């Protein structure tokens, strides 16, 4: 799940950059759509948030596991 979220966030920011650079270089309608660029930024923010939330839970679980091992020794 973490890997999928990370891939989605990277692709969304890359698509945003392509649209942003395209809007500066050309006058094609799809590149000048600000709403579309904002959607990709939101996708990036949401997927990054969930990724770091899952990552934090996994790290906390590992810390708790190591603490219990220390108490046993």
PDB file of N, CA and C in Angstrom:
ATOM      1  N   UNK A   1       0.822  -1.193   0.000  1.00  0.00           N
ATOM      2  CA  UNK A   1       0.000   0.000   0.000  1.00  0.00           C
ATOM      3  C   UNK A   1       0.868   1.261   0.000  1.00  0.00           C
ATOM      4  N   UNK A   2       1.945   1.204   0.806  1.00  0.00           N
ATOM      5  CA  UNK A   2       2.829   2.365   0.864  1.00  0.00           C
ATOM      6  C   UNK A   2       3.450   2.639  -0.492  1.00  0.00           C
ATOM      7  N   UNK A   3       3.843   1.588  -1.159  1.00  0.00           N
ATOM      8  CA  UNK A   3       4.497   1.752  -2.460  1.00  0.00           C
ATOM      9  C   UNK A   3       3.544   2.368  -3.484  1.00  0.00           C
ATOM     10  N   UNK A   4       2.293   1.929  -3.469  1.00  0.00           N
ATOM     11  CA  UNK A   4       1.291   2.466  -4.397  1.00  0.00           C
ATOM     12  C   UNK A   4       1.056   3.950  -4.123  1.00  0.00           C
ATOM     13  N   UNK A   5       0.940   4.307  -2.859  1.00  0.00           N
ATOM     14  CA  UNK A   5       0.744   5.716  -2.506  1.00  0.00           C
ATOM     15  C   UNK A   5       1.933   6.564  -2.937  1.00  0.00           C
ATOM     16  N   UNK A   6       3.115   6.029  -2.767  1.00  0.00           N
ATOM     17  CA  UNK A   6       4.306   6.773  -3.159  1.00  0.00           C
ATOM     18  C   UNK A   6       4.361   6.964  -4.672  1.00  0.00           C
ATOM     19  N   UNK A   7       4.016   5.926  -5.425  1.00  0.00           N
ATOM     20  CA  UNK A   7       4.014   6.016  -6.889  1.00  0.00           C
ATOM     21  C   UNK A   7       2.988   7.034  -7.364  1.00  0.00           C
ATOM     22  N   UNK A   8       1.801   7.001  -6.771  1.00  0.00           N
ATOM     23  CA  UNK A   8       0.749   7.950  -7.154  1.00  0.00           C
ATOM     24  C   UNK A   8       1.183   9.381  -6.868  1.00  0.00           C
ATOM     25  N   UNK A   9       1.799   9.596  -5.718  1.00  0.00           N
ATOM     26  CA  UNK A   9       2.217  10.965  -5.381  1.00  0.00           C
ATOM     27  C   UNK A   9       3.311  11.465  -6.324  1.00  0.00           C
ATOM     28  N   UNK A  10       4.236  10.592  -6.690  1.00  0.00           N
ATOM     29  CA  UNK A  10       5.301  11.007  -7.605  1.00  0.00           C
ATOM     30  C   UNK A  10       4.739  11.297  -8.991  1.00  0.00           C
ATOM     31  N   UNK A  11       3.844  10.430  -9.484  1.00  0.00           N
ATOM     32  CA  UNK A  11       3.250  10.661 -10.791  1.00  0.00           C
ATOM     33  C   UNK A  11       2.406  11.936 -10.822  1.00  0.00           C
ATOM     34  N   UNK A  12       1.685  12.191  -9.750  1.00  0.00           N
ATOM     35  CA  UNK A  12       0.840  13.384  -9.740  1.00  0.00           C
ATOM     36  C   UNK A  12       1.677  14.660  -9.754  1.00  0.00           C
ATOM     37  N   UNK A  13       2.792  14.669  -9.043  1.00  0.00           N
ATOM     38  CA  UNK A  13       3.623  15.867  -9.058  1.00  0.00           C
ATOM     39  C   UNK A  13       4.337  16.004 -10.402  1.00  0.00           C
ATOM     40  N   UNK A  14       4.700  14.890 -11.029  1.00  0.00           N
ATOM     41  CA  UNK A  14       5.312  14.961 -12.357  1.00  0.00           C
ATOM     42  C   UNK A  14       4.327  15.478 -13.402  1.00  0.00           C
ATOM     43  N   UNK A  15       3.084  15.017 -13.333  1.00  0.00           N
ATOM     44  CA  UNK A  15       2.067  15.503 -14.272  1.00  0.00           C
ATOM     45  C   UNK A  15       1.819  16.994 -14.044  1.00  0.00           C
ATOM     46  N   UNK A  16       1.796  17.399 -12.771  1.00  0.00           N
ATOM     47  CA  UNK A  16       1.657  18.829 -12.473  1.00  0.00           C
ATOM     48  C   UNK A  16       2.788  19.636 -13.109  1.00  0.00           C
ATOM     49  N   UNK A  17       4.007  19.150 -12.965  1.00  0.00           N
ATOM     50  CA  UNK A  17       5.142  19.872 -13.540  1.00  0.00           C
ATOM     51  C   UNK A  17       5.068  19.934 -15.063  1.00  0.00           C
ATOM     52  N   UNK A  18       4.640  18.841 -15.689  1.00  0.00           N
ATOM     53  CA  UNK A  18       4.477  18.838 -17.146  1.00  0.00           C
ATOM     54  C   UNK A  18       3.428  19.862 -17.564  1.00  0.00           C
ATOM     55  N   UNK A  19       2.299  19.886 -16.846  1.00  0.00           N
ATOM     56  CA  UNK A  19       1.256  20.859 -17.165  1.00  0.00           C
ATOM     57  C   UNK A  19       1.725  22.289 -16.920  1.00  0.00           C
ATOM     58  N   UNK A  20       2.467  22.494 -15.851  1.00  0.00           N
ATOM     59  CA  UNK A  20       2.956  23.832 -15.525  1.00  0.00           C
ATOM     60  C   UNK A  20       3.946  24.328 -16.570  1.00  0.00           C
ATOM     61  N   UNK A  21       4.896  23.493 -16.921  1.00  0.00           N
ATOM     62  CA  UNK A  21       5.877  23.877 -17.941  1.00  0.00           C
ATOM     63  C   UNK A  21       5.201  24.048 -19.294  1.00  0.00           C
ATOM     64  N   UNK A  22       4.245  23.162 -19.604  1.00  0.00           N
ATOM     65  CA  UNK A  22       3.509  23.282 -20.864  1.00  0.00           C
ATOM     66  C   UNK A  22       2.715  24.574 -20.953  1.00  0.00           C
ATOM     67  N   UNK A  23       2.186  25.021 -19.831  1.00  0.00           N
ATOM     68  CA  UNK A  23       1.421  26.281 -19.851  1.00  0.00           C
ATOM     69  C   UNK A  23       2.328  27.485 -20.106  1.00  0.00           C
ATOM     70  N   UNK A  24       3.580  27.385 -19.709  1.00  0.00           N
ATOM     71  CA  UNK A  24       4.526  28.477 -19.935  1.00  0.00           C
ATOM     72  C   UNK A  24       5.061  28.480 -21.361  1.00  0.00           C
ATOM     73  N   UNK A  25       5.135  27.307 -21.973  1.00  0.00           N
ATOM     74  CA  UNK A  25       5.749  27.194 -23.297  1.00  0.00           C
ATOM     75  C   UNK A  25       4.723  27.332 -24.420  1.00  0.00           C
ATOM     76  N   UNK A  26       3.568  26.654 -24.276  1.00  0.00           N
ATOM     77  CA  UNK A  26       2.591  26.647 -25.368  1.00  0.00           C
ATOM     78  C   UNK A  26       1.283  27.288 -24.934  1.00  0.00           C
ATOM     79  N   UNK A  27       0.409  27.441 -25.880  1.00  0.00           N
ATOM     80  CA  UNK A  27      -0.919  27.995 -25.601  1.00  0.00           C
ATOM     81  C   UNK A  27      -2.011  26.943 -25.802  1.00  0.00           C
ATOM     82  N   UNK A  28      -1.666  25.673 -25.692  1.00  0.00           N
ATOM     83  CA  UNK A  28      -2.644  24.594 -25.828  1.00  0.00           C
ATOM     84  C   UNK A  28      -3.582  24.634 -24.614  1.00  0.00           C
ATOM     85  N   UNK A  29      -4.855  24.402 -24.872  1.00  0.00           N
ATOM     86  CA  UNK A  29      -5.900  24.545 -23.853  1.00  0.00           C
ATOM     87  C   UNK A  29      -5.673  23.648 -22.630  1.00  0.00           C
ATOM     88  N   UNK A  30      -5.264  22.401 -22.838  1.00  0.00           N
ATOM     89  CA  UNK A  30      -5.125  21.475 -21.715  1.00  0.00           C
ATOM     90  C   UNK A  30      -4.039  21.942 -20.738  1.00  0.00           C
ATOM     91  N   UNK A  31      -3.002  22.588 -21.231  1.00  0.00           N
ATOM     92  CA  UNK A  31      -1.937  23.063 -20.361  1.00  0.00           C
ATOM     93  C   UNK A  31      -2.344  24.295 -19.562  1.00  0.00           C
ATOM     94  N   UNK A  32      -3.281  25.062 -20.056  1.00  0.00           N
ATOM     95  CA  UNK A  32      -3.686  26.295 -19.384  1.00  0.00           C
ATOM     96  C   UNK A  32      -4.819  26.090 -18.381  1.00  0.00           C
ATOM     97  N   UNK A  33      -5.192  24.870 -18.124  1.00  0.00           N
ATOM     98  CA  UNK A  33      -6.266  24.560 -17.188  1.00  0.00           C
ATOM     99  C   UNK A  33      -5.699  24.539 -15.757  1.00  0.00           C
ATOM    100  N   UNK A  34      -5.948  25.608 -15.020  1.00  0.00           N
ATOM    101  CA  UNK A  34      -5.423  25.736 -13.658  1.00  0.00           C
ATOM    102  C   UNK A  34      -6.101  24.739 -12.720  1.00  0.00           C
ATOM    103  N   UNK A  35      -7.372  24.482 -12.934  1.00  0.00           N
ATOM    104  CA  UNK A  35      -8.087  23.535 -12.076  1.00  0.00           C
ATOM    105  C   UNK A  35      -7.483  22.140 -12.164  1.00  0.00           C
ATOM    106  N   UNK A  36      -7.103  21.731 -13.343  1.00  0.00           N
ATOM    107  CA  UNK A  36      -6.487  20.417 -13.516  1.00  0.00           C
ATOM    108  C   UNK A  36      -5.155  20.342 -12.769  1.00  0.00           C
ATOM    109  N   UNK A  37      -4.384  21.398 -12.833  1.00  0.00           N
ATOM    110  CA  UNK A  37      -3.111  21.417 -12.099  1.00  0.00           C
ATOM    111  C   UNK A  37      -3.356  21.371 -10.593  1.00  0.00           C
ATOM    112  N   UNK A  38      -4.364  22.081 -10.134  1.00  0.00           N
ATOM    113  CA  UNK A  38      -4.677  22.075  -8.702  1.00  0.00           C
ATOM    114  C   UNK A  38      -5.137  20.702  -8.231  1.00  0.00           C
ATOM    115  N   UNK A  39      -5.848  19.982  -9.064  1.00  0.00           N
ATOM    116  CA  UNK A  39      -6.286  18.629  -8.712  1.00  0.00           C
ATOM    117  C   UNK A  39      -5.076  17.728  -8.499  1.00  0.00           C
ATOM    118  N   UNK A  40      -4.070  17.848  -9.353  1.00  0.00           N
ATOM    119  CA  UNK A  40      -2.885  17.017  -9.189  1.00  0.00           C
ATOM    120  C   UNK A  40      -2.084  17.396  -7.948  1.00  0.00           C
ATOM    121  N   UNK A  41      -2.102  18.647  -7.583  1.00  0.00           N
ATOM    122  CA  UNK A  41      -1.445  19.051  -6.340  1.00  0.00           C
ATOM    123  C   UNK A  41      -2.192  18.460  -5.144  1.00  0.00           C
ATOM    124  N   UNK A  42      -3.511  18.491  -5.179  1.00  0.00           N
ATOM    125  CA  UNK A  42      -4.301  17.893  -4.095  1.00  0.00           C
ATOM    126  C   UNK A  42      -4.075  16.389  -3.993  1.00  0.00           C
ATOM    127  N   UNK A  43      -4.016  15.725  -5.143  1.00  0.00           N
ATOM    128  CA  UNK A  43      -3.734  14.284  -5.144  1.00  0.00           C
ATOM    129  C   UNK A  43      -2.380  14.030  -4.495  1.00  0.00           C
ATOM    130  N   UNK A  44      -1.395  14.831  -4.852  1.00  0.00           N
ATOM    131  CA  UNK A  44      -0.073  14.683  -4.260  1.00  0.00           C
ATOM    132  C   UNK A  44      -0.119  14.873  -2.746  1.00  0.00           C
ATOM    133  N   UNK A  45      -0.789  15.901  -2.288  1.00  0.00           N
ATOM    134  CA  UNK A  45      -0.845  16.185  -0.851  1.00  0.00           C
ATOM    135  C   UNK A  45      -1.560  15.078  -0.081  1.00  0.00           C
ATOM    136  N   UNK A  46      -2.670  14.603  -0.620  1.00  0.00           N
ATOM    137  CA  UNK A  46      -3.449  13.563   0.067  1.00  0.00           C
ATOM    138  C   UNK A  46      -2.693  12.247   0.115  1.00  0.00           C
ATOM    139  N   UNK A  47      -2.106  11.846  -1.006  1.00  0.00           N
ATOM    140  CA  UNK A  47      -1.371  10.575  -1.006  1.00  0.00           C
ATOM    141  C   UNK A  47      -0.119  10.656  -0.137  1.00  0.00           C
ATOM    142  N   UNK A  48       0.529  11.793  -0.114  1.00  0.00           N
ATOM    143  CA  UNK A  48       1.697  11.950   0.758  1.00  0.00           C
ATOM    144  C   UNK A  48       1.294  11.888   2.224  1.00  0.00           C
ATOM    145  N   UNK A  49       0.165  12.484   2.548  1.00  0.00           N
ATOM    146  CA  UNK A  49      -0.327  12.442   3.920  1.00  0.00           C
ATOM    147  C   UNK A  49      -0.593  11.011   4.363  1.00  0.00           C
ATOM    148  N   UNK A  50      -1.286  10.237   3.541  1.00  0.00           N
ATOM    149  CA  UNK A  50      -1.570   8.844   3.883  1.00  0.00           C
ATOM    150  C   UNK A  50      -0.290   8.016   3.937  1.00  0.00           C
ATOM    151  N   UNK A  51       0.648   8.286   3.044  1.00  0.00           N
ATOM    152  CA  UNK A  51       1.913   7.558   3.050  1.00  0.00           C
ATOM    153  C   UNK A  51       2.644   7.778   4.367  1.00  0.00           C
ATOM    154  N   UNK A  52       2.774   9.023   4.781  1.00  0.00           N
ATOM    155  CA  UNK A  52       3.497   9.309   6.011  1.00  0.00           C
ATOM    156  C   UNK A  52       2.732   8.844   7.249  1.00  0.00           C
ATOM    157  N   UNK A  53       1.423   8.801   7.171  1.00  0.00           N
ATOM    158  CA  UNK A  53       0.619   8.267   8.268  1.00  0.00           C
ATOM    159  C   UNK A  53       0.888   6.773   8.449  1.00  0.00           C
ATOM    160  N   UNK A  54       0.890   6.030   7.351  1.00  0.00           N
ATOM    161  CA  UNK A  54       1.175   4.597   7.406  1.00  0.00           C
ATOM    162  C   UNK A  54       2.614   4.369   7.860  1.00  0.00           C
ATOM    163  N   UNK A  55       3.532   5.157   7.344  1.00  0.00           N
ATOM    164  CA  UNK A  55       4.938   5.033   7.714  1.00  0.00           C
ATOM    165  C   UNK A  55       5.132   5.284   9.209  1.00  0.00           C
ATOM    166  N   UNK A  56       4.454   6.267   9.734  1.00  0.00           N
ATOM    167  CA  UNK A  56       4.554   6.580  11.153  1.00  0.00           C
ATOM    168  C   UNK A  56       4.001   5.442  12.016  1.00  0.00           C
ATOM    169  N   UNK A  57       2.882   4.857  11.605  1.00  0.00           N
ATOM    170  CA  UNK A  57       2.318   3.730  12.348  1.00  0.00           C
ATOM    171  C   UNK A  57       3.279   2.551  12.364  1.00  0.00           C
ATOM    172  N   UNK A  58       3.903   2.274  11.220  1.00  0.00           N
ATOM    173  CA  UNK A  58       4.849   1.165  11.152  1.00  0.00           C
ATOM    174  C   UNK A  58       6.067   1.423  12.038  1.00  0.00           C
ATOM    175  N   UNK A  59       6.552   2.635  12.049  1.00  0.00           N
ATOM    176  CA  UNK A  59       7.699   2.963  12.889  1.00  0.00           C
ATOM    177  C   UNK A  59       7.345   2.867  14.368  1.00  0.00           C
ATOM    178  N   UNK A  60       6.154   3.324  14.736  1.00  0.00           N
ATOM    179  CA  UNK A  60       5.720   3.227  16.130  1.00  0.00           C
ATOM    180  C   UNK A  60       5.575   1.772  16.555  1.00  0.00           C
ATOM    181  N   UNK A  61       5.075   0.930  15.674  1.00  0.00           N
ATOM    182  CA  UNK A  61       4.951  -0.490  15.987  1.00  0.00           C
ATOM    183  C   UNK A  61       6.328  -1.121  16.178  1.00  0.00           C
ATOM    184  N   UNK A  62       7.269  -0.754  15.347  1.00  0.00           N
ATOM    185  CA  UNK A  62       8.637  -1.273  15.473  1.00  0.00           C
ATOM    186  C   UNK A  62       9.280  -0.806  16.774  1.00  0.00           C
ATOM    187  N   UNK A  63       9.050   0.438  17.148  1.00  0.00           N
ATOM    188  CA  UNK A  63       9.594   0.959  18.407  1.00  0.00           C
ATOM    189  C   UNK A  63       9.006   0.198  19.591  1.00  0.00           C
ATOM    190  N   UNK A  64       7.708  -0.039  19.563  1.00  0.00           N
ATOM    191  CA  UNK A  64       7.074  -0.782  20.651  1.00  0.00           C
ATOM    192  C   UNK A  64       7.613  -2.205  20.728  1.00  0.00           C
ATOM    193  N   UNK A  65       7.836  -2.820  19.591  1.00  0.00           N
ATOM    194  CA  UNK A  65       8.378  -4.183  19.562  1.00  0.00           C
ATOM    195  C   UNK A  65       9.790  -4.204  20.150  1.00  0.00           C
ATOM    196  N   UNK A  66      10.598  -3.235  19.812  1.00  0.00           N
ATOM    197  CA  UNK A  66      11.951  -3.174  20.357  1.00  0.00           C
ATOM    198  C   UNK A  66      11.958  -2.863  21.849  1.00  0.00           C
ATOM    199  N   UNK A  67      11.014  -2.044  22.294  1.00  0.00           N
ATOM    200  CA  UNK A  67      10.912  -1.749  23.726  1.00  0.00           C
ATOM    201  C   UNK A  67      10.560  -2.997  24.522  1.00  0.00           C
ATOM    202  N   UNK A  68       9.642  -3.782  23.992  1.00  0.00           N
ATOM    203  CA  UNK A  68       9.274  -5.036  24.691  1.00  0.00           C
ATOM    204  C   UNK A  68      10.447  -6.002  24.719  1.00  0.00           C
ATOM    205  N   UNK A  69      11.258  -6.044  23.671  1.00  0.00           N
ATOM    206  CA  UNK A  69      12.440  -6.906  23.661  1.00  0.00           C
ATOM    207  C   UNK A  69      13.445  -6.452  24.712  1.00  0.00           C
ATOM    208  N   UNK A  70      13.595  -5.131  24.864  1.00  0.00           N
ATOM    209  CA  UNK A  70      14.506  -4.628  25.875  1.00  0.00           C
ATOM    210  C   UNK A  70      14.043  -4.950  27.288  1.00  0.00           C
ATOM    211  N   UNK A  71      12.753  -4.872  27.522  1.00  0.00           N
ATOM    212  CA  UNK A  71      12.217  -5.172  28.860  1.00  0.00           C
ATOM    213  C   UNK A  71      12.391  -6.641  29.208  1.00  0.00           C
ATOM    214  N   UNK A  72      12.315  -7.520  28.208  1.00  0.00           N
ATOM    215  CA  UNK A  72      12.477  -8.956  28.440  1.00  0.00           C
ATOM    216  C   UNK A  72      13.920  -9.309  28.784  1.00  0.00           C
ATOM    217  N   UNK A  73      14.858  -8.545  28.297  1.00  0.00           N
ATOM    218  CA  UNK A  73      16.280  -8.858  28.551  1.00  0.00           C
ATOM    219  C   UNK A  73      16.688  -8.218  29.806  1.00  0.00           C
TER     220      UNK A  73
END
